[in-house]
Amino acid sequence: MATSKGQRIGIWVIAGMMFLGTVGGFVAMMVGRLVMKLKIKPRLRKLRMSTLRLLDERKKKVEAQAAELSQKYYGKFSEFSSRVGAFEAGDVKELGKEDLVEGDGAEVKDDTKLAVYYIGWNAKGEIFDQSIADGKLKAPLNMDGPANTAVIQGWKEGLIGMKIGGVRELTIPADKAYGDQAQGDKIPANSPLKFVVMAIEKPADIPEPEMPEVMKRYYRSRGFNV
């Protein structure tokens, strides 16, 4: 049945309203998102600045703690720098442990929480890493037990049995060090190593500030893994 001119006009009006309603809804949604972005970005900036301030405060606390520990232990540990020297690599067949100072604290076990200062050198007598720098001690290596810390096997076994406050020299064969994996120029593949280590009580943890959840969601939405 043919529609009258009035009916056709009515149909077009309804269709136009439906179209405008759909477009309007889309526009409203986009405008809403834009408004939310405009609102959230200043908030994110404030949260980011607040988090950066907290991180800076933590850094200062960590540095102050390291300085206090250095003042306490530098004189006792730095004298063992004289132990560094060349040794015959071919003679190192098994793990060697020599207590230079016997501590008076708890005996180190697999799960003992402790912190360690160290000096490490290769068979040529070259130091490849150490806790001493610029006439002071860097922050010690904190350990939640030798068995639970990512260190070489020679450390996991070699620290066991020493006492907190003690100093021990470790002679570590290559298979309990880095094996056939070179670690830079000073630790070629299949290198035995020596360390002097000092065990101290683990200092109080200084926790890192937690990132606010709204910031986590924002960064996750942009593909960051936080």
Protein backbone atom coordinates (compact mmCIF):
# COMPACT_ATOMS: atom_id res chain seq x y z
CA MET A 1 0.00 0.00 0.00
CA ALA A 2 1.43 3.39 -0.98
CA THR A 3 2.21 5.83 1.82
CA SER A 4 0.91 9.35 1.78
CA LYS A 5 3.20 12.36 1.70
CA GLY A 6 2.43 13.05 5.37
CA GLN A 7 3.34 9.50 6.34
CA ARG A 8 6.59 9.71 4.43
CA ILE A 9 7.48 12.95 6.19
CA GLY A 10 6.69 11.32 9.54
CA ILE A 11 8.93 8.35 8.76
CA TRP A 12 11.81 10.61 7.82
CA VAL A 13 11.37 12.64 10.98
CA ILE A 14 11.45 9.48 13.14
CA ALA A 15 14.49 8.15 11.27
CA GLY A 16 16.24 11.46 11.69
CA MET A 17 15.54 11.48 15.41
CA MET A 18 16.84 7.92 15.76
CA PHE A 19 20.01 8.87 13.87
CA LEU A 20 20.52 11.96 15.99
CA GLY A 21 19.88 9.89 19.10
CA THR A 22 22.58 7.38 18.11
CA VAL A 23 25.09 10.06 17.14
CA GLY A 24 24.21 12.05 20.22
CA GLY A 25 24.83 9.04 22.44
CA PHE A 26 28.20 8.45 20.80
CA VAL A 27 29.14 12.11 21.10
CA ALA A 28 28.04 12.14 24.73
CA MET A 29 30.16 9.07 25.42
CA MET A 30 33.22 10.62 23.78
CA VAL A 31 32.70 13.91 25.57
CA GLY A 32 32.33 11.98 28.84
CA ARG A 33 35.63 10.19 28.25
CA LEU A 34 37.34 13.47 27.40
CA VAL A 35 36.02 15.08 30.57
CA MET A 36 37.23 12.10 32.61
CA LYS A 37 40.67 12.39 31.02
CA LEU A 38 40.79 16.09 31.77
CA LYS A 39 39.83 15.35 35.37
CA ILE A 40 42.15 12.38 35.91
CA LYS A 41 45.33 13.79 34.37
CA PRO A 42 45.79 16.56 36.95
CA ARG A 43 45.10 13.98 39.67
CA LEU A 44 47.67 11.61 38.16
CA ARG A 45 50.21 14.41 38.03
CA LYS A 46 49.66 15.13 41.71
CA LEU A 47 49.91 11.43 42.61
CA ARG A 48 53.04 11.04 40.51
CA MET A 49 54.71 14.02 42.21
CA SER A 50 53.69 12.67 45.61
CA THR A 51 55.14 9.24 44.76
CA LEU A 52 58.38 10.81 43.53
CA ARG A 53 58.69 12.71 46.80
CA LEU A 54 58.20 9.49 48.76
CA LEU A 55 60.84 7.75 46.63
CA ASP A 56 63.26 10.60 47.25
CA GLU A 57 62.61 10.40 50.99
CA ARG A 58 63.26 6.65 50.90
CA LYS A 59 66.50 7.18 48.99
CA LYS A 60 67.70 9.61 51.65
CA LYS A 61 66.82 7.12 54.40
CA VAL A 62 68.71 4.33 52.59
CA GLU A 63 71.74 6.58 52.16
CA ALA A 64 71.63 7.63 55.81
CA GLN A 65 71.41 4.01 56.91
CA ALA A 66 74.34 3.05 54.66
CA ALA A 67 76.40 5.94 56.02
CA GLU A 68 75.71 4.91 59.62
CA LEU A 69 76.69 1.31 58.92
CA SER A 70 79.81 2.44 57.06
CA GLN A 71 80.92 4.51 60.02
CA LYS A 72 80.47 1.47 62.24
CA TYR A 73 82.12 -1.19 60.07
CA TYR A 74 84.50 0.52 57.61
CA GLY A 75 87.53 0.38 59.90
CA LYS A 76 86.91 -3.27 60.75
CA PHE A 77 86.41 -4.41 57.17
CA SER A 78 88.67 -2.22 55.02
CA GLU A 79 91.84 -3.71 56.56
CA PHE A 80 91.06 -6.97 54.76
CA SER A 81 91.78 -5.32 51.42
CA SER A 82 95.34 -6.50 52.07
CA ARG A 83 94.14 -10.08 51.45
CA VAL A 84 93.69 -9.33 47.76
CA GLY A 85 96.40 -10.87 45.59
CA ALA A 86 97.09 -13.27 42.74
CA PHE A 87 96.61 -16.99 43.27
CA GLU A 88 97.12 -20.14 41.23
CA ALA A 89 93.82 -20.90 39.50
CA GLY A 90 94.74 -24.51 38.82
CA ASP A 91 95.12 -25.19 42.53
CA VAL A 92 91.47 -24.36 43.29
CA LYS A 93 89.68 -27.70 43.15
CA GLU A 94 87.10 -27.33 45.92
CA LEU A 95 85.42 -24.72 48.09
CA GLY A 96 87.75 -23.29 50.69
CA LYS A 97 86.64 -21.45 53.86
CA GLU A 98 88.98 -19.61 56.24
CA ASP A 99 87.66 -17.62 59.17
CA LEU A 100 89.74 -14.46 59.58
CA VAL A 101 87.57 -13.17 62.42
CA GLU A 102 85.15 -15.36 64.30
CA GLY A 103 81.98 -13.48 65.00
CA ASP A 104 80.12 -13.47 68.29
CA GLY A 105 76.61 -13.48 66.84
CA ALA A 106 74.24 -16.14 65.58
CA GLU A 107 75.55 -18.90 63.33
CA VAL A 108 74.56 -18.47 59.70
CA LYS A 109 72.20 -21.13 58.37
CA ASP A 110 70.35 -21.49 55.08
CA ASP A 111 67.51 -19.21 56.20
CA THR A 112 69.42 -16.78 58.42
CA LYS A 113 68.67 -13.14 57.61
CA LEU A 114 71.90 -11.17 57.38
CA ALA A 115 73.76 -8.51 55.44
CA VAL A 116 77.20 -8.85 53.87
CA TYR A 117 80.12 -6.64 52.94
CA TYR A 118 82.54 -8.19 50.46
CA ILE A 119 85.60 -7.89 48.26
CA GLY A 120 85.87 -10.20 45.24
CA TRP A 121 88.94 -10.80 43.07
CA ASN A 122 90.17 -13.11 40.33
CA ALA A 123 93.30 -15.25 40.01
CA LYS A 124 95.28 -12.28 38.70
CA GLY A 125 94.53 -10.37 41.88
CA GLU A 126 92.14 -8.01 40.11
CA ILE A 127 89.14 -6.83 42.15
CA PHE A 128 85.96 -7.17 40.09
CA ASP A 129 83.48 -6.02 42.73
CA GLN A 130 83.56 -4.80 46.32
CA SER A 131 81.65 -2.95 49.02
CA ILE A 132 84.39 -0.32 49.45
CA ALA A 133 84.16 2.86 47.40
CA ASP A 134 85.58 6.36 47.91
CA GLY A 135 86.83 5.66 51.39
CA LYS A 136 83.57 4.27 52.74
CA LEU A 137 81.30 1.26 52.53
CA LYS A 138 78.40 1.05 50.14
CA ALA A 139 75.09 -0.32 51.38
CA PRO A 140 75.58 -4.00 52.32
CA LEU A 141 74.00 -6.85 50.40
CA ASN A 142 70.86 -7.84 52.31
CA MET A 143 70.05 -11.54 52.34
CA ASP A 144 66.93 -13.38 53.45
CA GLY A 145 69.07 -16.45 54.01
CA PRO A 146 71.83 -17.70 51.67
CA ALA A 147 69.51 -20.38 50.27
CA ASN A 148 66.89 -17.74 49.38
CA THR A 149 69.21 -15.21 47.75
CA ALA A 150 70.35 -15.04 44.13
CA VAL A 151 74.07 -15.52 44.72
CA ILE A 152 76.61 -18.00 43.38
CA GLN A 153 76.69 -21.49 44.85
CA GLY A 154 80.03 -20.82 46.50
CA TRP A 155 78.33 -18.15 48.61
CA LYS A 156 75.30 -20.30 49.40
CA GLU A 157 77.60 -22.97 50.81
CA GLY A 158 80.48 -20.80 51.95
CA LEU A 159 78.53 -18.51 54.27
CA ILE A 160 77.00 -21.41 56.19
CA GLY A 161 78.56 -21.84 59.61
CA MET A 162 80.15 -18.43 59.97
CA LYS A 163 78.84 -16.18 62.73
CA ILE A 164 77.35 -12.70 62.54
CA GLY A 165 80.16 -10.22 63.07
CA GLY A 166 82.68 -12.60 61.54
CA VAL A 167 84.92 -12.24 58.49
CA ARG A 168 85.62 -15.19 56.21
CA GLU A 169 87.74 -15.72 53.10
CA LEU A 170 86.13 -17.92 50.46
CA THR A 171 88.10 -19.66 47.72
CA ILE A 172 85.55 -20.74 45.14
CA PRO A 173 86.17 -23.17 42.24
CA ALA A 174 84.73 -22.21 38.87
CA ASP A 175 81.89 -24.72 39.02
CA LYS A 176 80.59 -23.04 42.20
CA ALA A 177 81.14 -19.55 40.77
CA TYR A 178 79.96 -18.71 37.23
CA GLY A 179 81.07 -21.89 35.48
CA ASP A 180 81.56 -21.49 31.74
CA GLN A 181 79.66 -18.18 31.66
CA ALA A 182 82.02 -15.20 31.51
CA GLN A 183 81.05 -12.13 33.56
CA GLY A 184 82.86 -9.29 31.87
CA ASP A 185 86.60 -8.93 31.28
CA LYS A 186 87.67 -9.69 34.86
CA ILE A 187 85.74 -12.95 35.20
CA PRO A 188 86.46 -15.09 32.13
CA ALA A 189 84.72 -18.41 31.68
CA ASN A 190 85.79 -21.17 34.08
CA SER A 191 87.35 -18.76 36.58
CA PRO A 192 87.89 -19.62 40.25
CA LEU A 193 87.31 -16.62 42.51
CA LYS A 194 88.16 -15.40 45.97
CA PHE A 195 86.09 -13.27 48.33
CA VAL A 196 86.48 -11.75 51.75
CA VAL A 197 83.03 -11.45 53.29
CA MET A 198 81.87 -9.87 56.53
CA ALA A 199 78.50 -10.91 57.95
CA ILE A 200 76.51 -8.36 59.94
CA GLU A 201 72.99 -8.22 61.26
CA LYS A 202 70.50 -7.35 58.56
CA PRO A 203 69.50 -3.69 58.96
CA ALA A 204 65.87 -2.64 59.24
CA ASP A 205 63.98 -2.78 55.95
CA ILE A 206 63.08 0.56 54.40
CA PRO A 207 60.01 -0.27 52.29
CA GLU A 208 59.42 1.29 48.90
CA PRO A 209 56.27 3.42 48.61
CA GLU A 210 53.29 1.66 47.06
CA MET A 211 52.06 3.08 43.75
CA PRO A 212 48.43 4.28 44.10
CA GLU A 213 45.94 1.94 42.46
CA VAL A 214 44.59 4.63 40.12
CA MET A 215 48.11 5.09 38.73
CA LYS A 216 48.52 1.33 38.27
CA ARG A 217 45.25 1.17 36.32
CA TYR A 218 46.30 4.13 34.18
CA TYR A 219 49.67 2.61 33.26
CA ARG A 220 48.21 -0.87 32.74
CA SER A 221 45.70 0.62 30.27
CA ARG A 222 48.70 1.83 28.28
CA GLY A 223 50.45 -1.51 28.24
CA PHE A 224 52.85 -1.10 31.16
CA ASN A 225 53.33 -4.02 33.54
CA VAL A 226 52.91 -2.53 37.04
